[in-house]
Amino acid sequence: MFPGAMGERSSGAGSRAECRRRAQAKLGALIAELRTLPGGTGPDGLVDIGEGLQRAIEAFHLEGIRFRMFTLEHRLRQMPDSPVAARARELFADVRAALEQAGFQTRSH
């Protein structure tokens, strides 16, 4: 099997599938956190963007992952500082790290 093939271990962080599952779990926690915001969908439809990211991860849609990660990060940066915003940004960083460990490119630049 070639290096980096599905199921191979990646830099001590677990298999790509494990990293992907970890990213999905962190994303689920992020979406739950965003639902605690007034209106239940977060500012600018953040929950919808997060759910779109979930679908892109499940479908291995690389461009969809990059686009939604960019949009979600941009919108999270625009949120006023609060405990919920800080926790959401922390969870987003965890999602990004797990996706990158799973071999996904999450940045557009």
N, C-alpha and C. Protein backbone atom coordinates (compact mmCIF):
# COMPACT_ATOMS: atom_id res chain seq x y z
N MET A 1 0.85 -1.18 0.00
CA MET A 1 0.00 0.00 0.00
C MET A 1 0.88 1.23 0.00
N PHE A 2 0.50 2.29 -0.71
CA PHE A 2 1.32 3.48 -0.80
C PHE A 2 1.19 4.33 0.46
N PRO A 3 2.22 5.15 0.79
CA PRO A 3 2.16 5.98 1.99
C PRO A 3 0.93 6.88 1.96
N GLY A 4 0.28 7.00 3.09
CA GLY A 4 -0.88 7.86 3.20
C GLY A 4 -2.17 7.23 2.72
N ALA A 5 -2.15 5.95 2.38
CA ALA A 5 -3.37 5.28 1.92
C ALA A 5 -4.38 5.22 3.06
N MET A 6 -5.63 5.12 2.70
CA MET A 6 -6.68 5.05 3.71
C MET A 6 -6.39 3.93 4.70
N GLY A 7 -6.56 4.23 5.97
CA GLY A 7 -6.38 3.22 6.99
C GLY A 7 -4.97 3.16 7.55
N GLU A 8 -4.00 3.79 6.88
CA GLU A 8 -2.65 3.82 7.42
C GLU A 8 -2.59 4.81 8.56
N ARG A 9 -1.66 4.58 9.44
CA ARG A 9 -1.46 5.49 10.56
C ARG A 9 -0.84 6.79 10.06
N SER A 10 -1.25 7.88 10.66
CA SER A 10 -0.67 9.18 10.31
C SER A 10 -0.03 9.80 11.54
N SER A 11 1.21 10.09 11.48
CA SER A 11 2.02 10.78 12.49
C SER A 11 1.57 10.55 13.93
N GLY A 12 1.27 9.33 14.31
CA GLY A 12 0.96 9.01 15.69
C GLY A 12 -0.39 9.48 16.17
N ALA A 13 -1.19 10.08 15.34
CA ALA A 13 -2.46 10.64 15.77
C ALA A 13 -3.63 9.70 15.49
N GLY A 14 -3.38 8.50 15.02
CA GLY A 14 -4.44 7.57 14.71
C GLY A 14 -4.63 7.47 13.22
N SER A 15 -5.51 6.57 12.81
CA SER A 15 -5.75 6.41 11.38
C SER A 15 -6.51 7.60 10.83
N ARG A 16 -6.50 7.70 9.52
CA ARG A 16 -7.24 8.79 8.87
C ARG A 16 -8.73 8.70 9.22
N ALA A 17 -9.25 7.49 9.26
CA ALA A 17 -10.67 7.31 9.59
C ALA A 17 -10.95 7.77 11.02
N GLU A 18 -10.04 7.47 11.93
CA GLU A 18 -10.21 7.92 13.32
C GLU A 18 -10.16 9.44 13.41
N CYS A 19 -9.24 10.04 12.68
CA CYS A 19 -9.13 11.50 12.66
C CYS A 19 -10.39 12.13 12.07
N ARG A 20 -10.92 11.51 11.03
CA ARG A 20 -12.14 12.02 10.41
C ARG A 20 -13.32 11.92 11.38
N ARG A 21 -13.41 10.79 12.09
CA ARG A 21 -14.48 10.65 13.10
C ARG A 21 -14.32 11.68 14.21
N ARG A 22 -13.08 11.94 14.62
CA ARG A 22 -12.83 12.94 15.65
C ARG A 22 -13.26 14.33 15.15
N ALA A 23 -12.96 14.64 13.90
CA ALA A 23 -13.38 15.92 13.33
C ALA A 23 -14.90 16.03 13.32
N GLN A 24 -15.57 14.95 12.94
CA GLN A 24 -17.04 14.97 12.90
C GLN A 24 -17.62 15.16 14.30
N ALA A 25 -17.01 14.53 15.30
CA ALA A 25 -17.48 14.69 16.68
C ALA A 25 -17.29 16.12 17.16
N LYS A 26 -16.12 16.69 16.88
CA LYS A 26 -15.85 18.08 17.27
C LYS A 26 -16.79 19.04 16.53
N LEU A 27 -17.06 18.75 15.27
CA LEU A 27 -17.98 19.58 14.50
C LEU A 27 -19.38 19.50 15.08
N GLY A 28 -19.80 18.31 15.49
CA GLY A 28 -21.10 18.17 16.15
C GLY A 28 -21.18 19.01 17.42
N ALA A 29 -20.08 19.03 18.20
CA ALA A 29 -20.04 19.85 19.41
C ALA A 29 -20.09 21.34 19.05
N LEU A 30 -19.40 21.72 17.98
CA LEU A 30 -19.42 23.11 17.54
C LEU A 30 -20.82 23.53 17.13
N ILE A 31 -21.49 22.69 16.37
CA ILE A 31 -22.86 23.02 15.94
C ILE A 31 -23.79 23.13 17.15
N ALA A 32 -23.64 22.22 18.11
CA ALA A 32 -24.45 22.29 19.33
C ALA A 32 -24.19 23.60 20.08
N GLU A 33 -22.93 24.01 20.13
CA GLU A 33 -22.57 25.28 20.80
C GLU A 33 -23.21 26.46 20.07
N LEU A 34 -23.17 26.44 18.74
CA LEU A 34 -23.76 27.52 17.96
C LEU A 34 -25.28 27.59 18.14
N ARG A 35 -25.90 26.45 18.37
CA ARG A 35 -27.36 26.43 18.57
C ARG A 35 -27.77 27.10 19.88
N THR A 36 -26.80 27.31 20.79
CA THR A 36 -27.13 27.98 22.06
C THR A 36 -27.24 29.48 21.89
N LEU A 37 -26.82 29.98 20.73
CA LEU A 37 -26.89 31.42 20.49
C LEU A 37 -28.34 31.84 20.25
N PRO A 38 -28.65 33.11 20.50
CA PRO A 38 -30.02 33.58 20.25
C PRO A 38 -30.49 33.25 18.84
N GLY A 39 -31.67 32.76 18.74
CA GLY A 39 -32.25 32.39 17.44
C GLY A 39 -32.00 30.94 17.07
N GLY A 40 -31.05 30.29 17.74
CA GLY A 40 -30.82 28.87 17.54
C GLY A 40 -30.08 28.49 16.28
N THR A 41 -29.74 29.47 15.44
CA THR A 41 -29.01 29.14 14.21
C THR A 41 -27.67 29.84 14.15
N GLY A 42 -27.38 30.65 15.15
CA GLY A 42 -26.13 31.39 15.14
C GLY A 42 -26.20 32.53 14.16
N PRO A 43 -25.29 33.48 14.29
CA PRO A 43 -25.30 34.61 13.35
C PRO A 43 -24.98 34.16 11.94
N ASP A 44 -25.64 34.77 11.00
CA ASP A 44 -25.37 34.53 9.57
C ASP A 44 -25.48 33.06 9.18
N GLY A 45 -26.37 32.31 9.81
CA GLY A 45 -26.58 30.93 9.41
C GLY A 45 -25.41 30.01 9.70
N LEU A 46 -24.68 30.24 10.79
CA LEU A 46 -23.52 29.41 11.12
C LEU A 46 -23.88 27.94 11.27
N VAL A 47 -25.03 27.64 11.83
CA VAL A 47 -25.43 26.24 11.99
C VAL A 47 -25.60 25.59 10.62
N ASP A 48 -26.22 26.31 9.68
CA ASP A 48 -26.39 25.78 8.32
C ASP A 48 -25.03 25.51 7.66
N ILE A 49 -24.08 26.41 7.86
CA ILE A 49 -22.74 26.22 7.30
C ILE A 49 -22.08 25.00 7.93
N GLY A 50 -22.22 24.87 9.25
CA GLY A 50 -21.66 23.72 9.94
C GLY A 50 -22.27 22.41 9.47
N GLU A 51 -23.58 22.41 9.26
CA GLU A 51 -24.24 21.20 8.77
C GLU A 51 -23.81 20.88 7.34
N GLY A 52 -23.58 21.92 6.54
CA GLY A 52 -23.06 21.70 5.19
C GLY A 52 -21.66 21.10 5.23
N LEU A 53 -20.87 21.54 6.20
CA LEU A 53 -19.54 20.97 6.37
C LEU A 53 -19.63 19.50 6.77
N GLN A 54 -20.58 19.17 7.63
CA GLN A 54 -20.78 17.76 8.00
C GLN A 54 -21.05 16.92 6.75
N ARG A 55 -21.94 17.41 5.91
CA ARG A 55 -22.27 16.66 4.68
C ARG A 55 -21.05 16.55 3.77
N ALA A 56 -20.27 17.61 3.65
CA ALA A 56 -19.08 17.58 2.79
C ALA A 56 -18.06 16.56 3.31
N ILE A 57 -17.89 16.49 4.63
CA ILE A 57 -16.96 15.53 5.22
C ILE A 57 -17.44 14.11 4.96
N GLU A 58 -18.72 13.86 5.17
CA GLU A 58 -19.29 12.53 4.94
C GLU A 58 -19.12 12.09 3.49
N ALA A 59 -19.21 13.05 2.57
CA ALA A 59 -19.13 12.75 1.14
C ALA A 59 -17.71 12.82 0.59
N PHE A 60 -16.73 13.15 1.45
CA PHE A 60 -15.35 13.34 1.00
C PHE A 60 -15.29 14.38 -0.12
N HIS A 61 -16.11 15.42 -0.02
CA HIS A 61 -16.16 16.48 -1.04
C HIS A 61 -15.12 17.53 -0.67
N LEU A 62 -13.94 17.42 -1.27
CA LEU A 62 -12.79 18.22 -0.87
C LEU A 62 -13.02 19.72 -1.04
N GLU A 63 -13.57 20.12 -2.16
CA GLU A 63 -13.81 21.55 -2.38
C GLU A 63 -14.88 22.06 -1.42
N GLY A 64 -15.89 21.25 -1.15
CA GLY A 64 -16.92 21.63 -0.20
C GLY A 64 -16.36 21.82 1.20
N ILE A 65 -15.41 20.97 1.58
CA ILE A 65 -14.78 21.09 2.89
C ILE A 65 -14.00 22.40 2.96
N ARG A 66 -13.17 22.66 1.96
CA ARG A 66 -12.37 23.90 1.96
C ARG A 66 -13.26 25.14 1.99
N PHE A 67 -14.29 25.16 1.15
CA PHE A 67 -15.17 26.32 1.08
C PHE A 67 -15.89 26.56 2.41
N ARG A 68 -16.45 25.51 2.99
CA ARG A 68 -17.19 25.68 4.23
C ARG A 68 -16.27 25.99 5.42
N MET A 69 -15.07 25.43 5.42
CA MET A 69 -14.10 25.77 6.48
C MET A 69 -13.74 27.25 6.38
N PHE A 70 -13.49 27.74 5.18
CA PHE A 70 -13.17 29.15 4.99
C PHE A 70 -14.31 30.03 5.48
N THR A 71 -15.52 29.71 5.05
CA THR A 71 -16.69 30.52 5.41
C THR A 71 -16.94 30.48 6.91
N LEU A 72 -16.88 29.30 7.49
CA LEU A 72 -17.13 29.16 8.92
C LEU A 72 -16.08 29.93 9.72
N GLU A 73 -14.81 29.79 9.35
CA GLU A 73 -13.76 30.52 10.06
C GLU A 73 -13.97 32.03 9.96
N HIS A 74 -14.29 32.50 8.78
CA HIS A 74 -14.52 33.94 8.57
C HIS A 74 -15.66 34.44 9.45
N ARG A 75 -16.75 33.71 9.47
CA ARG A 75 -17.91 34.14 10.27
C ARG A 75 -17.64 34.05 11.77
N LEU A 76 -16.89 33.03 12.20
CA LEU A 76 -16.55 32.91 13.62
C LEU A 76 -15.67 34.07 14.06
N ARG A 77 -14.78 34.51 13.19
CA ARG A 77 -13.92 35.66 13.51
C ARG A 77 -14.73 36.94 13.67
N GLN A 78 -15.85 37.03 12.96
CA GLN A 78 -16.67 38.23 13.00
C GLN A 78 -17.58 38.28 14.23
N MET A 79 -17.72 37.16 14.93
CA MET A 79 -18.60 37.13 16.10
C MET A 79 -18.01 38.00 17.21
N PRO A 80 -18.86 38.74 17.92
CA PRO A 80 -18.36 39.51 19.07
C PRO A 80 -17.81 38.54 20.12
N ASP A 81 -16.80 38.98 20.84
CA ASP A 81 -16.21 38.13 21.88
C ASP A 81 -17.22 37.82 22.97
N SER A 82 -17.29 36.56 23.30
CA SER A 82 -18.16 36.05 24.36
C SER A 82 -17.66 34.66 24.71
N PRO A 83 -18.13 34.10 25.82
CA PRO A 83 -17.72 32.73 26.14
C PRO A 83 -18.13 31.72 25.06
N VAL A 84 -19.30 31.89 24.47
CA VAL A 84 -19.75 30.98 23.42
C VAL A 84 -18.87 31.13 22.18
N ALA A 85 -18.54 32.36 21.82
CA ALA A 85 -17.69 32.59 20.65
C ALA A 85 -16.30 32.00 20.87
N ALA A 86 -15.76 32.16 22.07
CA ALA A 86 -14.43 31.60 22.37
C ALA A 86 -14.46 30.08 22.27
N ARG A 87 -15.50 29.47 22.82
CA ARG A 87 -15.61 28.00 22.77
C ARG A 87 -15.80 27.55 21.31
N ALA A 88 -16.59 28.27 20.54
CA ALA A 88 -16.82 27.92 19.13
C ALA A 88 -15.52 28.00 18.35
N ARG A 89 -14.72 29.03 18.58
CA ARG A 89 -13.44 29.16 17.89
C ARG A 89 -12.47 28.03 18.27
N GLU A 90 -12.50 27.66 19.53
CA GLU A 90 -11.65 26.55 20.01
C GLU A 90 -12.07 25.23 19.34
N LEU A 91 -13.36 24.98 19.29
CA LEU A 91 -13.85 23.76 18.64
C LEU A 91 -13.53 23.76 17.14
N PHE A 92 -13.64 24.92 16.51
CA PHE A 92 -13.30 25.02 15.09
C PHE A 92 -11.84 24.65 14.86
N ALA A 93 -10.95 25.14 15.72
CA ALA A 93 -9.53 24.80 15.61
C ALA A 93 -9.32 23.29 15.75
N ASP A 94 -10.08 22.67 16.66
CA ASP A 94 -9.99 21.21 16.84
C ASP A 94 -10.47 20.47 15.59
N VAL A 95 -11.56 20.97 14.98
CA VAL A 95 -12.08 20.36 13.75
C VAL A 95 -11.02 20.45 12.66
N ARG A 96 -10.44 21.63 12.49
CA ARG A 96 -9.42 21.82 11.46
C ARG A 96 -8.23 20.88 11.68
N ALA A 97 -7.74 20.79 12.91
CA ALA A 97 -6.59 19.94 13.19
C ALA A 97 -6.89 18.48 12.87
N ALA A 98 -8.08 18.01 13.27
CA ALA A 98 -8.45 16.61 13.02
C ALA A 98 -8.61 16.35 11.52
N LEU A 99 -9.21 17.28 10.79
CA LEU A 99 -9.36 17.10 9.34
C LEU A 99 -8.00 17.07 8.65
N GLU A 100 -7.10 17.93 9.06
CA GLU A 100 -5.78 17.95 8.45
C GLU A 100 -5.00 16.67 8.79
N GLN A 101 -5.17 16.16 10.00
CA GLN A 101 -4.54 14.88 10.36
C GLN A 101 -5.13 13.74 9.54
N ALA A 102 -6.38 13.89 9.13
CA ALA A 102 -7.03 12.86 8.31
C ALA A 102 -6.64 13.00 6.83
N GLY A 103 -5.88 14.03 6.51
CA GLY A 103 -5.41 14.19 5.14
C GLY A 103 -6.20 15.17 4.30
N PHE A 104 -7.16 15.86 4.89
CA PHE A 104 -7.95 16.84 4.13
C PHE A 104 -7.23 18.18 4.11
N GLN A 105 -7.29 18.87 2.99
CA GLN A 105 -6.78 20.22 2.87
C GLN A 105 -7.91 21.14 3.28
N THR A 106 -7.70 21.94 4.33
CA THR A 106 -8.79 22.77 4.86
C THR A 106 -8.61 24.24 4.59
N ARG A 107 -7.50 24.60 3.96
CA ARG A 107 -7.23 26.03 3.71
C ARG A 107 -7.21 26.26 2.20
N SER A 108 -7.74 27.41 1.82
CA SER A 108 -7.83 27.74 0.40
C SER A 108 -6.57 28.39 -0.13
N HIS A 109 -5.66 28.77 0.74
CA HIS A 109 -4.44 29.45 0.29
C HIS A 109 -3.21 28.60 0.46
